[in-house]
């Protein structure tokens, strides 16, 4: 199994909820009693505005094939049964940075200035 802060590989759903793409995901939470967890997409493309950089020094266990970005604007609830493998774990401060970035994004969307 995996825990919060793990990077896992799974078929990530597109916004149409009909198609998927095999991609890495940051598990924001551990799976709950139903086997569901909250995840954020991870991308190797840097052009996304709402993202947190993920470099090799952010990894405490496992390996990251190349520099990536945690997409804090792409969150989904997923079933742990979809996970193909867990391949890395990030530092707690990077995990917190991703959560804080999500909270900031939500605050801006819900309570615009």
PDB file of N, CA and C in Angstrom:
ATOM      1  N   UNK A   1       0.844  -1.185   0.000  1.00  0.00           N
ATOM      2  CA  UNK A   1       0.000   0.000   0.000  1.00  0.00           C
ATOM      3  C   UNK A   1       0.886   1.244   0.000  1.00  0.00           C
ATOM      4  N   UNK A   2       0.295   2.401   0.011  1.00  0.00           N
ATOM      5  CA  UNK A   2       1.011   3.665  -0.018  1.00  0.00           C
ATOM      6  C   UNK A   2       0.416   4.590   1.033  1.00  0.00           C
ATOM      7  N   UNK A   3       1.083   5.709   1.265  1.00  0.00           N
ATOM      8  CA  UNK A   3       0.627   6.667   2.270  1.00  0.00           C
ATOM      9  C   UNK A   3       0.614   8.069   1.681  1.00  0.00           C
ATOM     10  N   UNK A   4       0.096   9.017   2.445  1.00  0.00           N
ATOM     11  CA  UNK A   4       0.096  10.416   2.022  1.00  0.00           C
ATOM     12  C   UNK A   4       1.537  10.846   1.749  1.00  0.00           C
ATOM     13  N   UNK A   5       1.730  11.564   0.646  1.00  0.00           N
ATOM     14  CA  UNK A   5       3.062  11.995   0.256  1.00  0.00           C
ATOM     15  C   UNK A   5       3.742  11.051  -0.720  1.00  0.00           C
ATOM     16  N   UNK A   6       3.077   9.955  -1.054  1.00  0.00           N
ATOM     17  CA  UNK A   6       3.634   9.003  -2.021  1.00  0.00           C
ATOM     18  C   UNK A   6       3.327   9.453  -3.441  1.00  0.00           C
ATOM     19  N   UNK A   7       4.241   9.137  -4.348  1.00  0.00           N
ATOM     20  CA  UNK A   7       3.992   9.304  -5.771  1.00  0.00           C
ATOM     21  C   UNK A   7       3.624   7.937  -6.313  1.00  0.00           C
ATOM     22  N   UNK A   8       2.459   7.869  -6.949  1.00  0.00           N
ATOM     23  CA  UNK A   8       1.950   6.605  -7.471  1.00  0.00           C
ATOM     24  C   UNK A   8       1.671   6.742  -8.959  1.00  0.00           C
ATOM     25  N   UNK A   9       1.662   5.645  -9.653  1.00  0.00           N
ATOM     26  CA  UNK A   9       1.347   5.617 -11.074  1.00  0.00           C
ATOM     27  C   UNK A   9      -0.017   4.971 -11.244  1.00  0.00           C
ATOM     28  N   UNK A  10      -0.881   5.623 -12.027  1.00  0.00           N
ATOM     29  CA  UNK A  10      -2.225   5.080 -12.254  1.00  0.00           C
ATOM     30  C   UNK A  10      -2.850   5.704 -13.489  1.00  0.00           C
ATOM     31  N   UNK A  11      -3.964   5.135 -13.973  1.00  0.00           N
ATOM     32  CA  UNK A  11      -4.682   5.741 -15.096  1.00  0.00           C
ATOM     33  C   UNK A  11      -5.450   6.963 -14.593  1.00  0.00           C
ATOM     34  N   UNK A  12      -4.907   8.157 -14.846  1.00  0.00           N
ATOM     35  CA  UNK A  12      -5.502   9.398 -14.341  1.00  0.00           C
ATOM     36  C   UNK A  12      -6.637   9.831 -15.266  1.00  0.00           C
ATOM     37  N   UNK A  13      -7.800  10.168 -14.715  1.00  0.00           N
ATOM     38  CA  UNK A  13      -8.955  10.525 -15.558  1.00  0.00           C
ATOM     39  C   UNK A  13      -8.850  11.927 -16.158  1.00  0.00           C
ATOM     40  N   UNK A  14      -9.254  12.042 -17.417  1.00  0.00           N
ATOM     41  CA  UNK A  14      -9.411  13.355 -18.033  1.00  0.00           C
ATOM     42  C   UNK A  14     -10.686  13.974 -17.485  1.00  0.00           C
ATOM     43  N   UNK A  15     -10.894  15.259 -17.747  1.00  0.00           N
ATOM     44  CA  UNK A  15     -12.057  15.960 -17.193  1.00  0.00           C
ATOM     45  C   UNK A  15     -13.382  15.415 -17.717  1.00  0.00           C
ATOM     46  N   UNK A  16     -13.368  14.708 -18.854  1.00  0.00           N
ATOM     47  CA  UNK A  16     -14.618  14.121 -19.353  1.00  0.00           C
ATOM     48  C   UNK A  16     -15.000  12.853 -18.589  1.00  0.00           C
ATOM     49  N   UNK A  17     -14.115  12.379 -17.712  1.00  0.00           N
ATOM     50  CA  UNK A  17     -14.328  11.198 -16.874  1.00  0.00           C
ATOM     51  C   UNK A  17     -14.530   9.912 -17.687  1.00  0.00           C
ATOM     52  N   UNK A  18     -14.259   9.967 -18.991  1.00  0.00           N
ATOM     53  CA  UNK A  18     -14.423   8.786 -19.834  1.00  0.00           C
ATOM     54  C   UNK A  18     -13.092   8.197 -20.266  1.00  0.00           C
ATOM     55  N   UNK A  19     -12.090   9.051 -20.383  1.00  0.00           N
ATOM     56  CA  UNK A  19     -10.787   8.589 -20.835  1.00  0.00           C
ATOM     57  C   UNK A  19      -9.740   8.839 -19.753  1.00  0.00           C
ATOM     58  N   UNK A  20      -8.670   8.075 -19.836  1.00  0.00           N
ATOM     59  CA  UNK A  20      -7.604   8.189 -18.846  1.00  0.00           C
ATOM     60  C   UNK A  20      -6.255   8.202 -19.547  1.00  0.00           C
ATOM     61  N   UNK A  21      -5.246   8.617 -18.792  1.00  0.00           N
ATOM     62  CA  UNK A  21      -3.873   8.560 -19.260  1.00  0.00           C
ATOM     63  C   UNK A  21      -3.023   8.072 -18.099  1.00  0.00           C
ATOM     64  N   UNK A  22      -2.162   7.127 -18.361  1.00  0.00           N
ATOM     65  CA  UNK A  22      -1.285   6.600 -17.314  1.00  0.00           C
ATOM     66  C   UNK A  22      -0.292   7.686 -16.916  1.00  0.00           C
ATOM     67  N   UNK A  23      -0.363   8.102 -15.644  1.00  0.00           N
ATOM     68  CA  UNK A  23       0.492   9.208 -15.215  1.00  0.00           C
ATOM     69  C   UNK A  23       0.755   9.158 -13.724  1.00  0.00           C
ATOM     70  N   UNK A  24       1.776   9.883 -13.290  1.00  0.00           N
ATOM     71  CA  UNK A  24       2.067   9.941 -11.858  1.00  0.00           C
ATOM     72  C   UNK A  24       1.099  10.862 -11.130  1.00  0.00           C
ATOM     73  N   UNK A  25       0.852  10.517  -9.882  1.00  0.00           N
ATOM     74  CA  UNK A  25      -0.068  11.271  -9.034  1.00  0.00           C
ATOM     75  C   UNK A  25       0.544  11.370  -7.638  1.00  0.00           C
ATOM     76  N   UNK A  26       0.414  12.545  -7.025  1.00  0.00           N
ATOM     77  CA  UNK A  26       0.790  12.699  -5.630  1.00  0.00           C
ATOM     78  C   UNK A  26      -0.414  12.346  -4.777  1.00  0.00           C
ATOM     79  N   UNK A  27      -0.250  11.400  -3.871  1.00  0.00           N
ATOM     80  CA  UNK A  27      -1.320  11.055  -2.936  1.00  0.00           C
ATOM     81  C   UNK A  27      -1.309  12.093  -1.816  1.00  0.00           C
ATOM     82  N   UNK A  28      -2.323  12.958  -1.795  1.00  0.00           N
ATOM     83  CA  UNK A  28      -2.423  13.950  -0.725  1.00  0.00           C
ATOM     84  C   UNK A  28      -2.835  13.301   0.579  1.00  0.00           C
ATOM     85  N   UNK A  29      -3.630  12.245   0.472  1.00  0.00           N
ATOM     86  CA  UNK A  29      -4.106  11.522   1.654  1.00  0.00           C
ATOM     87  C   UNK A  29      -3.815  10.040   1.481  1.00  0.00           C
ATOM     88  N   UNK A  30      -3.812   9.338   2.569  1.00  0.00           N
ATOM     89  CA  UNK A  30      -3.768   7.873   2.518  1.00  0.00           C
ATOM     90  C   UNK A  30      -5.169   7.384   2.143  1.00  0.00           C
ATOM     91  N   UNK A  31      -5.295   6.185   1.619  1.00  0.00           N
ATOM     92  CA  UNK A  31      -6.639   5.662   1.329  1.00  0.00           C
ATOM     93  C   UNK A  31      -7.482   5.581   2.604  1.00  0.00           C
ATOM     94  N   UNK A  32      -8.762   5.927   2.459  1.00  0.00           N
ATOM     95  CA  UNK A  32      -9.678   5.864   3.604  1.00  0.00           C
ATOM     96  C   UNK A  32     -10.256   4.453   3.733  1.00  0.00           C
ATOM     97  N   UNK A  33     -11.252   4.305   4.585  1.00  0.00           N
ATOM     98  CA  UNK A  33     -11.818   2.965   4.818  1.00  0.00           C
ATOM     99  C   UNK A  33     -12.516   2.375   3.596  1.00  0.00           C
ATOM    100  N   UNK A  34     -12.802   3.221   2.599  1.00  0.00           N
ATOM    101  CA  UNK A  34     -13.423   2.755   1.357  1.00  0.00           C
ATOM    102  C   UNK A  34     -12.387   2.521   0.259  1.00  0.00           C
ATOM    103  N   UNK A  35     -11.117   2.815   0.570  1.00  0.00           N
ATOM    104  CA  UNK A  35     -10.058   2.648  -0.412  1.00  0.00           C
ATOM    105  C   UNK A  35      -9.871   3.845  -1.317  1.00  0.00           C
ATOM    106  N   UNK A  36     -10.495   4.969  -0.979  1.00  0.00           N
ATOM    107  CA  UNK A  36     -10.372   6.184  -1.781  1.00  0.00           C
ATOM    108  C   UNK A  36      -9.326   7.118  -1.192  1.00  0.00           C
ATOM    109  N   UNK A  37      -8.656   7.869  -2.061  1.00  0.00           N
ATOM    110  CA  UNK A  37      -7.691   8.866  -1.619  1.00  0.00           C
ATOM    111  C   UNK A  37      -7.781  10.085  -2.515  1.00  0.00           C
ATOM    112  N   UNK A  38      -7.280  11.211  -2.032  1.00  0.00           N
ATOM    113  CA  UNK A  38      -7.249  12.443  -2.813  1.00  0.00           C
ATOM    114  C   UNK A  38      -5.869  12.574  -3.429  1.00  0.00           C
ATOM    115  N   UNK A  39      -5.828  12.846  -4.735  1.00  0.00           N
ATOM    116  CA  UNK A  39      -4.556  12.943  -5.439  1.00  0.00           C
ATOM    117  C   UNK A  39      -4.470  14.180  -6.303  1.00  0.00           C
ATOM    118  N   UNK A  40      -3.232  14.551  -6.625  1.00  0.00           N
ATOM    119  CA  UNK A  40      -2.937  15.657  -7.542  1.00  0.00           C
ATOM    120  C   UNK A  40      -2.111  15.115  -8.698  1.00  0.00           C
ATOM    121  N   UNK A  41      -2.424  15.566  -9.895  1.00  0.00           N
ATOM    122  CA  UNK A  41      -1.662  15.167 -11.071  1.00  0.00           C
ATOM    123  C   UNK A  41      -0.231  15.692 -10.970  1.00  0.00           C
ATOM    124  N   UNK A  42       0.694  14.951 -11.544  1.00  0.00           N
ATOM    125  CA  UNK A  42       2.094  15.360 -11.634  1.00  0.00           C
ATOM    126  C   UNK A  42       2.439  15.405 -13.119  1.00  0.00           C
ATOM    127  N   UNK A  43       3.094  16.490 -13.545  1.00  0.00           N
ATOM    128  CA  UNK A  43       3.414  16.699 -14.953  1.00  0.00           C
ATOM    129  C   UNK A  43       4.900  16.981 -15.126  1.00  0.00           C
ATOM    130  N   UNK A  44       5.449  16.584 -16.262  1.00  0.00           N
ATOM    131  CA  UNK A  44       6.841  16.922 -16.565  1.00  0.00           C
ATOM    132  C   UNK A  44       6.928  18.230 -17.358  1.00  0.00           C
ATOM    133  N   UNK A  45       5.791  18.854 -17.589  1.00  0.00           N
ATOM    134  CA  UNK A  45       5.761  20.136 -18.311  1.00  0.00           C
ATOM    135  C   UNK A  45       5.628  21.286 -17.321  1.00  0.00           C
ATOM    136  N   UNK A  46       6.411  22.319 -17.552  1.00  0.00           N
ATOM    137  CA  UNK A  46       6.493  23.419 -16.589  1.00  0.00           C
ATOM    138  C   UNK A  46       5.558  24.582 -16.870  1.00  0.00           C
ATOM    139  N   UNK A  47       4.773  24.536 -17.913  1.00  0.00           N
ATOM    140  CA  UNK A  47       3.988  25.702 -18.320  1.00  0.00           C
ATOM    141  C   UNK A  47       2.720  25.933 -17.491  1.00  0.00           C
ATOM    142  N   UNK A  48       2.462  25.119 -16.510  1.00  0.00           N
ATOM    143  CA  UNK A  48       1.261  25.266 -15.700  1.00  0.00           C
ATOM    144  C   UNK A  48       1.481  26.312 -14.605  1.00  0.00           C
ATOM    145  N   UNK A  49       0.551  27.239 -14.477  1.00  0.00           N
ATOM    146  CA  UNK A  49       0.691  28.297 -13.487  1.00  0.00           C
ATOM    147  C   UNK A  49       0.515  27.833 -12.055  1.00  0.00           C
ATOM    148  N   UNK A  50      -0.414  26.930 -11.828  1.00  0.00           N
ATOM    149  CA  UNK A  50      -0.703  26.440 -10.478  1.00  0.00           C
ATOM    150  C   UNK A  50       0.032  25.123 -10.252  1.00  0.00           C
ATOM    151  N   UNK A  51       1.306  25.240  -9.899  1.00  0.00           N
ATOM    152  CA  UNK A  51       2.094  24.027  -9.715  1.00  0.00           C
ATOM    153  C   UNK A  51       3.203  24.257  -8.701  1.00  0.00           C
ATOM    154  N   UNK A  52       3.697  23.151  -8.187  1.00  0.00           N
ATOM    155  CA  UNK A  52       4.819  23.142  -7.250  1.00  0.00           C
ATOM    156  C   UNK A  52       5.914  22.302  -7.885  1.00  0.00           C
ATOM    157  N   UNK A  53       7.109  22.868  -7.983  1.00  0.00           N
ATOM    158  CA  UNK A  53       8.223  22.142  -8.605  1.00  0.00           C
ATOM    159  C   UNK A  53       8.593  20.921  -7.765  1.00  0.00           C
ATOM    160  N   UNK A  54       8.936  19.853  -8.471  1.00  0.00           N
ATOM    161  CA  UNK A  54       9.277  18.593  -7.831  1.00  0.00           C
ATOM    162  C   UNK A  54      10.602  18.134  -8.421  1.00  0.00           C
ATOM    163  N   UNK A  55      11.690  18.390  -7.687  1.00  0.00           N
ATOM    164  CA  UNK A  55      13.023  18.006  -8.129  1.00  0.00           C
ATOM    165  C   UNK A  55      13.502  16.809  -7.317  1.00  0.00           C
ATOM    166  N   UNK A  56      14.618  16.236  -7.733  1.00  0.00           N
ATOM    167  CA  UNK A  56      15.132  15.045  -7.053  1.00  0.00           C
ATOM    168  C   UNK A  56      15.395  15.270  -5.570  1.00  0.00           C
ATOM    169  N   UNK A  57      15.754  16.500  -5.165  1.00  0.00           N
ATOM    170  CA  UNK A  57      16.015  16.729  -3.737  1.00  0.00           C
ATOM    171  C   UNK A  57      14.730  16.722  -2.913  1.00  0.00           C
ATOM    172  N   UNK A  58      13.574  16.699  -3.575  1.00  0.00           N
ATOM    173  CA  UNK A  58      12.289  16.616  -2.873  1.00  0.00           C
ATOM    174  C   UNK A  58      11.908  15.172  -2.562  1.00  0.00           C
ATOM    175  N   UNK A  59      12.647  14.229  -3.104  1.00  0.00           N
ATOM    176  CA  UNK A  59      12.340  12.808  -2.948  1.00  0.00           C
ATOM    177  C   UNK A  59      13.129  12.228  -1.777  1.00  0.00           C
ATOM    178  N   UNK A  60      12.430  11.587  -0.848  1.00  0.00           N
ATOM    179  CA  UNK A  60      13.106  10.957   0.288  1.00  0.00           C
ATOM    180  C   UNK A  60      13.221   9.447   0.121  1.00  0.00           C
ATOM    181  N   UNK A  61      12.448   8.906  -0.800  1.00  0.00           N
ATOM    182  CA  UNK A  61      12.473   7.462  -1.057  1.00  0.00           C
ATOM    183  C   UNK A  61      12.089   7.254  -2.507  1.00  0.00           C
ATOM    184  N   UNK A  62      12.784   6.394  -3.205  1.00  0.00           N
ATOM    185  CA  UNK A  62      12.487   6.137  -4.603  1.00  0.00           C
ATOM    186  C   UNK A  62      13.251   7.080  -5.514  1.00  0.00           C
ATOM    187  N   UNK A  63      12.763   7.200  -6.748  1.00  0.00           N
ATOM    188  CA  UNK A  63      13.444   8.030  -7.738  1.00  0.00           C
ATOM    189  C   UNK A  63      12.429   8.706  -8.643  1.00  0.00           C
ATOM    190  N   UNK A  64      12.760   9.911  -9.044  1.00  0.00           N
ATOM    191  CA  UNK A  64      11.947  10.689  -9.971  1.00  0.00           C
ATOM    192  C   UNK A  64      12.706  10.710 -11.297  1.00  0.00           C
ATOM    193  N   UNK A  65      12.125  10.162 -12.379  1.00  0.00           N
ATOM    194  CA  UNK A  65      12.853  10.080 -13.651  1.00  0.00           C
ATOM    195  C   UNK A  65      13.329  11.432 -14.194  1.00  0.00           C
ATOM    196  N   UNK A  66      12.520  12.481 -14.016  1.00  0.00           N
ATOM    197  CA  UNK A  66      12.921  13.817 -14.459  1.00  0.00           C
ATOM    198  C   UNK A  66      12.178  14.860 -13.647  1.00  0.00           C
ATOM    199  N   UNK A  67      12.695  16.085 -13.698  1.00  0.00           N
ATOM    200  CA  UNK A  67      12.049  17.165 -12.951  1.00  0.00           C
ATOM    201  C   UNK A  67      10.586  17.248 -13.358  1.00  0.00           C
ATOM    202  N   UNK A  68       9.731  17.441 -12.366  1.00  0.00           N
ATOM    203  CA  UNK A  68       8.291  17.471 -12.616  1.00  0.00           C
ATOM    204  C   UNK A  68       7.641  18.572 -11.793  1.00  0.00           C
ATOM    205  N   UNK A  69       6.340  18.736 -11.990  1.00  0.00           N
ATOM    206  CA  UNK A  69       5.568  19.730 -11.277  1.00  0.00           C
ATOM    207  C   UNK A  69       4.285  19.090 -10.766  1.00  0.00           C
ATOM    208  N   UNK A  70       3.952  19.382  -9.520  1.00  0.00           N
ATOM    209  CA  UNK A  70       2.693  18.920  -8.936  1.00  0.00           C
ATOM    210  C   UNK A  70       1.628  19.910  -9.367  1.00  0.00           C
ATOM    211  N   UNK A  71       0.615  19.442 -10.059  1.00  0.00           N
ATOM    212  CA  UNK A  71      -0.463  20.301 -10.553  1.00  0.00           C
ATOM    213  C   UNK A  71      -1.482  20.524  -9.431  1.00  0.00           C
ATOM    214  N   UNK A  72      -1.377  21.642  -8.749  1.00  0.00           N
ATOM    215  CA  UNK A  72      -2.269  21.906  -7.621  1.00  0.00           C
ATOM    216  C   UNK A  72      -3.675  22.283  -8.068  1.00  0.00           C
ATOM    217  N   UNK A  73      -3.877  22.425  -9.363  1.00  0.00           N
ATOM    218  CA  UNK A  73      -5.214  22.711  -9.890  1.00  0.00           C
ATOM    219  C   UNK A  73      -5.884  21.462 -10.468  1.00  0.00           C
ATOM    220  N   UNK A  74      -5.257  20.315 -10.324  1.00  0.00           N
ATOM    221  CA  UNK A  74      -5.808  19.052 -10.829  1.00  0.00           C
ATOM    222  C   UNK A  74      -5.909  18.052  -9.684  1.00  0.00           C
ATOM    223  N   UNK A  75      -6.993  18.158  -8.928  1.00  0.00           N
ATOM    224  CA  UNK A  75      -7.193  17.247  -7.804  1.00  0.00           C
ATOM    225  C   UNK A  75      -8.397  16.345  -8.077  1.00  0.00           C
ATOM    226  N   UNK A  76      -8.272  15.106  -7.654  1.00  0.00           N
ATOM    227  CA  UNK A  76      -9.352  14.134  -7.843  1.00  0.00           C
ATOM    228  C   UNK A  76      -9.365  13.149  -6.680  1.00  0.00           C
ATOM    229  N   UNK A  77     -10.523  12.565  -6.465  1.00  0.00           N
ATOM    230  CA  UNK A  77     -10.634  11.443  -5.538  1.00  0.00           C
ATOM    231  C   UNK A  77     -10.541  10.184  -6.384  1.00  0.00           C
ATOM    232  N   UNK A  78      -9.639   9.297  -5.993  1.00  0.00           N
ATOM    233  CA  UNK A  78      -9.363   8.095  -6.767  1.00  0.00           C
ATOM    234  C   UNK A  78      -9.443   6.859  -5.884  1.00  0.00           C
ATOM    235  N   UNK A  79      -9.640   5.734  -6.497  1.00  0.00           N
ATOM    236  CA  UNK A  79      -9.637   4.462  -5.781  1.00  0.00           C
ATOM    237  C   UNK A  79      -8.211   3.920  -5.738  1.00  0.00           C
ATOM    238  N   UNK A  80      -7.786   3.482  -4.568  1.00  0.00           N
ATOM    239  CA  UNK A  80      -6.451   2.899  -4.422  1.00  0.00           C
ATOM    240  C   UNK A  80      -6.294   1.662  -5.306  1.00  0.00           C
ATOM    241  N   UNK A  81      -7.398   1.038  -5.679  1.00  0.00           N
ATOM    242  CA  UNK A  81      -7.325  -0.150  -6.533  1.00  0.00           C
ATOM    243  C   UNK A  81      -6.809   0.181  -7.935  1.00  0.00           C
ATOM    244  N   UNK A  82      -6.819   1.464  -8.318  1.00  0.00           N
ATOM    245  CA  UNK A  82      -6.313   1.878  -9.624  1.00  0.00           C
ATOM    246  C   UNK A  82      -4.789   1.983  -9.657  1.00  0.00           C
ATOM    247  N   UNK A  83      -4.164   2.066  -8.489  1.00  0.00           N
ATOM    248  CA  UNK A  83      -2.717   2.281  -8.419  1.00  0.00           C
ATOM    249  C   UNK A  83      -1.970   1.086  -8.998  1.00  0.00           C
ATOM    250  N   UNK A  84      -1.134   1.379  -9.982  1.00  0.00           N
ATOM    251  CA  UNK A  84      -0.308   0.355 -10.613  1.00  0.00           C
ATOM    252  C   UNK A  84       0.920   0.093  -9.744  1.00  0.00           C
ATOM    253  N   UNK A  85       1.531   1.188  -9.269  1.00  0.00           N
ATOM    254  CA  UNK A  85       2.670   1.057  -8.361  1.00  0.00           C
ATOM    255  C   UNK A  85       2.928   2.379  -7.653  1.00  0.00           C
ATOM    256  N   UNK A  86       3.548   2.278  -6.496  1.00  0.00           N
ATOM    257  CA  UNK A  86       4.041   3.435  -5.765  1.00  0.00           C
ATOM    258  C   UNK A  86       5.532   3.475  -6.033  1.00  0.00           C
ATOM    259  N   UNK A  87       6.048   4.622  -6.522  1.00  0.00           N
ATOM    260  CA  UNK A  87       7.450   4.644  -6.935  1.00  0.00           C
ATOM    261  C   UNK A  87       8.328   5.633  -6.177  1.00  0.00           C
ATOM    262  N   UNK A  88       7.731   6.488  -5.351  1.00  0.00           N
ATOM    263  CA  UNK A  88       8.550   7.447  -4.605  1.00  0.00           C
ATOM    264  C   UNK A  88       7.742   8.053  -3.469  1.00  0.00           C
ATOM    265  N   UNK A  89       8.448   8.730  -2.578  1.00  0.00           N
ATOM    266  CA  UNK A  89       7.825   9.466  -1.476  1.00  0.00           C
ATOM    267  C   UNK A  89       8.510  10.817  -1.403  1.00  0.00           C
ATOM    268  N   UNK A  90       7.711  11.892  -1.229  1.00  0.00           N
ATOM    269  CA  UNK A  90       8.288  13.235  -1.184  1.00  0.00           C
ATOM    270  C   UNK A  90       8.477  13.699   0.255  1.00  0.00           C
ATOM    271  N   UNK A  91       9.310  14.728   0.414  1.00  0.00           N
ATOM    272  CA  UNK A  91       9.550  15.314   1.733  1.00  0.00           C
ATOM    273  C   UNK A  91       8.253  15.919   2.261  1.00  0.00           C
ATOM    274  N   UNK A  92       8.046  15.879   3.582  1.00  0.00           N
ATOM    275  CA  UNK A  92       6.834  16.455   4.180  1.00  0.00           C
ATOM    276  C   UNK A  92       6.645  17.939   3.865  1.00  0.00           C
ATOM    277  N   UNK A  93       7.715  18.720   3.787  1.00  0.00           N
ATOM    278  CA  UNK A  93       7.561  20.147   3.499  1.00  0.00           C
ATOM    279  C   UNK A  93       7.078  20.394   2.071  1.00  0.00           C
ATOM    280  N   UNK A  94       7.446  19.537   1.136  1.00  0.00           N
ATOM    281  CA  UNK A  94       6.966  19.668  -0.252  1.00  0.00           C
ATOM    282  C   UNK A  94       5.497  19.257  -0.317  1.00  0.00           C
ATOM    283  N   UNK A  95       5.136  18.224   0.427  1.00  0.00           N
ATOM    284  CA  UNK A  95       3.736  17.793   0.518  1.00  0.00           C
ATOM    285  C   UNK A  95       2.886  18.951   1.058  1.00  0.00           C
ATOM    286  N   UNK A  96       3.365  19.581   2.131  1.00  0.00           N
ATOM    287  CA  UNK A  96       2.649  20.715   2.724  1.00  0.00           C
ATOM    288  C   UNK A  96       2.557  21.882   1.742  1.00  0.00           C
ATOM    289  N   UNK A  97       3.616  22.131   0.997  1.00  0.00           N
ATOM    290  CA  UNK A  97       3.605  23.212   0.004  1.00  0.00           C
ATOM    291  C   UNK A  97       2.515  22.976  -1.049  1.00  0.00           C
ATOM    292  N   UNK A  98       2.346  21.728  -1.482  1.00  0.00           N
ATOM    293  CA  UNK A  98       1.298  21.402  -2.459  1.00  0.00           C
ATOM    294  C   UNK A  98      -0.085  21.632  -1.857  1.00  0.00           C
ATOM    295  N   UNK A  99      -0.292  21.214  -0.607  1.00  0.00           N
ATOM    296  CA  UNK A  99      -1.577  21.421   0.068  1.00  0.00           C
ATOM    297  C   UNK A  99      -1.845  22.906   0.265  1.00  0.00           C
ATOM    298  N   UNK A 100      -0.840  23.647   0.704  1.00  0.00           N
ATOM    299  CA  UNK A 100      -0.996  25.092   0.905  1.00  0.00           C
ATOM    300  C   UNK A 100      -1.327  25.801  -0.407  1.00  0.00           C
ATOM    301  N   UNK A 101      -0.698  25.375  -1.494  1.00  0.00           N
ATOM    302  CA  UNK A 101      -0.967  25.962  -2.804  1.00  0.00           C
ATOM    303  C   UNK A 101      -2.411  25.698  -3.231  1.00  0.00           C
ATOM    304  N   UNK A 102      -2.902  24.486  -2.965  1.00  0.00           N
ATOM    305  CA  UNK A 102      -4.305  24.159  -3.253  1.00  0.00           C
ATOM    306  C   UNK A 102      -5.241  25.048  -2.441  1.00  0.00           C
ATOM    307  N   UNK A 103      -4.957  25.200  -1.154  1.00  0.00           N
ATOM    308  CA  UNK A 103      -5.806  26.033  -0.295  1.00  0.00           C
ATOM    309  C   UNK A 103      -5.824  27.479  -0.778  1.00  0.00           C
ATOM    310  N   UNK A 104      -4.673  27.981  -1.183  1.00  0.00           N
ATOM    311  CA  UNK A 104      -4.590  29.351  -1.697  1.00  0.00           C
ATOM    312  C   UNK A 104      -5.398  29.507  -2.987  1.00  0.00           C
ATOM    313  N   UNK A 105      -5.294  28.519  -3.872  1.00  0.00           N
ATOM    314  CA  UNK A 105      -6.055  28.534  -5.118  1.00  0.00           C
ATOM    315  C   UNK A 105      -7.560  28.523  -4.837  1.00  0.00           C
ATOM    316  N   UNK A 106      -8.002  27.662  -3.927  1.00  0.00           N
ATOM    317  CA  UNK A 106      -9.415  27.602  -3.588  1.00  0.00           C
ATOM    318  C   UNK A 106      -9.897  28.912  -2.970  1.00  0.00           C
ATOM    319  N   UNK A 107      -9.084  29.476  -2.106  1.00  0.00           N
ATOM    320  CA  UNK A 107      -9.458  30.732  -1.467  1.00  0.00           C
ATOM    321  C   UNK A 107      -9.662  31.837  -2.516  1.00  0.00           C
ATOM    322  N   UNK A 108      -8.760  31.911  -3.479  1.00  0.00           N
ATOM    323  CA  UNK A 108      -8.879  32.918  -4.537  1.00  0.00           C
ATOM    324  C   UNK A 108     -10.127  32.702  -5.387  1.00  0.00           C
ATOM    325  N   UNK A 109     -10.468  31.418  -5.645  1.00  0.00           N
ATOM    326  CA  UNK A 109     -11.636  31.104  -6.475  1.00  0.00           C
ATOM    327  C   UNK A 109     -12.956  31.366  -5.730  1.00  0.00           C
ATOM    328  N   UNK A 110     -12.983  31.059  -4.441  1.00  0.00           N
ATOM    329  CA  UNK A 110     -14.212  31.164  -3.669  1.00  0.00           C
ATOM    330  C   UNK A 110     -14.443  32.569  -3.134  1.00  0.00           C
ATOM    331  N   UNK A 111     -13.358  33.231  -2.733  1.00  0.00           N
ATOM    332  CA  UNK A 111     -13.435  34.564  -2.137  1.00  0.00           C
ATOM    333  C   UNK A 111     -12.587  35.564  -2.919  1.00  0.00           C
ATOM    334  N   UNK A 112     -12.977  35.878  -4.153  1.00  0.00           N
ATOM    335  CA  UNK A 112     -12.148  36.807  -4.950  1.00  0.00           C
ATOM    336  C   UNK A 112     -12.105  38.183  -4.278  1.00  0.00           C
ATOM    337  N   UNK A 113     -10.984  38.830  -4.479  1.00  0.00           N
ATOM    338  CA  UNK A 113     -10.781  40.150  -3.860  1.00  0.00           C
ATOM    339  C   UNK A 113     -11.656  41.215  -4.505  1.00  0.00           C
TER     340      UNK A 113
END
